[in-house]
C-alpha atoms as a PDB file:
ATOM      1  CA  MET A   1     -20.449 -23.180   9.422  1.00  0.00           C
ATOM      2  CA  LYS A   2     -18.991 -19.971   8.866  1.00  0.00           C
ATOM      3  CA  ASP A   3     -16.247 -18.795  10.949  1.00  0.00           C
ATOM      4  CA  TYR A   4     -17.574 -15.857  12.833  1.00  0.00           C
ATOM      5  CA  HIS A   5     -14.637 -15.828  15.506  1.00  0.00           C
ATOM      6  CA  CYS A   6     -12.319 -12.574  14.998  1.00  0.00           C
ATOM      7  CA  CYS A   7     -11.707  -9.276  16.573  1.00  0.00           C
ATOM      8  CA  ALA A   8     -13.915  -7.370  14.229  1.00  0.00           C
ATOM      9  CA  THR A   9     -17.136  -9.263  15.333  1.00  0.00           C
ATOM     10  CA  CYS A  10     -16.188  -8.839  18.918  1.00  0.00           C
ATOM     11  CA  ILE A  11     -18.226  -6.215  21.335  1.00  0.00           C
ATOM     12  CA  HIS A  12     -14.725  -4.985  22.419  1.00  0.00           C
ATOM     13  CA  PHE A  13     -13.429  -4.100  19.059  1.00  0.00           C
ATOM     14  CA  GLY A  14     -12.951  -0.393  18.660  1.00  0.00           C
ATOM     15  CA  ILE A  15     -11.613   1.787  15.901  1.00  0.00           C
ATOM     16  CA  GLU A  16      -9.892   5.055  16.369  1.00  0.00           C
ATOM     17  CA  LYS A  17      -9.349   7.720  13.759  1.00  0.00           C
ATOM     18  CA  THR A  18      -6.001   9.703  14.335  1.00  0.00           C
ATOM     19  CA  GLU A  19      -4.322  12.270  12.104  1.00  0.00           C
ATOM     20  CA  GLU A  20      -1.859   9.198  11.091  1.00  0.00           C
ATOM     21  CA  GLY A  21      -4.849   7.117  10.158  1.00  0.00           C
ATOM     22  CA  ILE A  22      -7.124   4.357  11.468  1.00  0.00           C
ATOM     23  CA  ASN A  23      -6.226   2.489  14.553  1.00  0.00           C
ATOM     24  CA  THR A  24      -7.970  -0.662  15.488  1.00  0.00           C
ATOM     25  CA  LYS A  25      -7.905  -1.584  19.211  1.00  0.00           C
ATOM     26  CA  CYS A  26      -9.535  -4.061  21.855  1.00  0.00           C
ATOM     27  CA  THR A  27     -11.174  -1.511  24.128  1.00  0.00           C
ATOM     28  CA  ARG A  28     -11.313  -4.156  26.857  1.00  0.00           C
ATOM     29  CA  LEU A  29      -7.624  -5.061  26.867  1.00  0.00           C
ATOM     30  CA  GLY A  30      -6.143  -1.617  25.516  1.00  0.00           C
ATOM     31  CA  TYR A  31      -4.210  -3.353  22.969  1.00  0.00           C
ATOM     32  CA  ASP A  32      -3.706  -2.556  19.243  1.00  0.00           C
ATOM     33  CA  THR A  33      -5.209  -5.346  17.159  1.00  0.00           C
ATOM     34  CA  ASN A  34      -6.227  -6.468  13.659  1.00  0.00           C
ATOM     35  CA  PRO A  35      -9.734  -7.137  12.499  1.00  0.00           C
ATOM     36  CA  LYS A  36      -8.744 -10.710  11.494  1.00  0.00           C
ATOM     37  CA  TYR A  37      -6.927 -11.802  14.779  1.00  0.00           C
ATOM     38  CA  LYS A  38      -8.442 -14.284  17.099  1.00  0.00           C
ATOM     39  CA  PHE A  39      -8.440 -14.303  20.979  1.00  0.00           C
ATOM     40  CA  ASN A  40     -10.106 -16.353  23.606  1.00  0.00           C
ATOM     41  CA  CYS A  41     -11.517 -13.495  25.205  1.00  0.00           C
ATOM     42  CA  TRP A  42     -13.950 -13.054  22.186  1.00  0.00           C
ATOM     43  CA  VAL A  43     -17.502 -12.026  22.965  1.00  0.00           C
ATOM     44  CA  PRO A  44     -19.689 -11.550  19.767  1.00  0.00           C
ATOM     45  CA  LYS A  45     -21.584  -8.730  18.971  1.00  0.00           C
ATOM     46  CA  GLU A  46     -25.349  -9.159  19.089  1.00  0.00           C
ATOM     47  CA  ARG A  47     -25.953  -9.057  15.194  1.00  0.00           C
ATOM     48  CA  VAL A  48     -23.034 -11.596  14.857  1.00  0.00           C
ATOM     49  CA  ARG A  49     -24.583 -13.730  17.578  1.00  0.00           C
ATOM     50  CA  ARG A  50     -27.946 -13.688  15.868  1.00  0.00           C
ATOM     51  CA  ALA A  51     -26.319 -14.738  12.604  1.00  0.00           C
ATOM     52  CA  MET A  52     -24.485 -17.602  14.280  1.00  0.00           C
ATOM     53  CA  GLU A  53     -27.770 -18.783  15.756  1.00  0.00           C
ATOM     54  CA  LYS A  54     -29.606 -18.474  12.439  1.00  0.00           C
ATOM     55  CA  SER A  55     -26.762 -20.455  10.508  1.00  0.00           C
ATOM     56  CA  PHE A  56     -26.671 -22.943  13.385  1.00  0.00           C
ATOM     57  CA  HIS A  57     -30.656 -23.592  13.040  1.00  0.00           C
ATOM     58  CA  LYS A  58     -30.414 -23.745   9.375  1.00  0.00           C
ATOM     59  CA  LYS A  59     -27.802 -26.532   9.566  1.00  0.00           C
ATOM     60  CA  ASN A  60     -29.732 -28.560  11.799  1.00  0.00           C
ATOM     61  CA  VAL A  61     -32.985 -28.192   9.678  1.00  0.00           C
ATOM     62  CA  GLU A  62     -31.032 -29.357   6.761  1.00  0.00           C
ATOM     63  CA  GLU A  63     -29.594 -32.670   8.466  1.00  0.00           C
END
């Protein structure tokens, strides 16, 4: 199964545009982050949740 768990797929992932460039941040914790980072507080976005369910069901049908 594809690994969906990363900051970019979390509901708390935010992007902030500044004069210096783009800053990615965890809006829940207030820390700068990277889209590829993984933390235990991860809550998937709705579209990611649906993709995970679809992938899970497809895998179970194939078995």
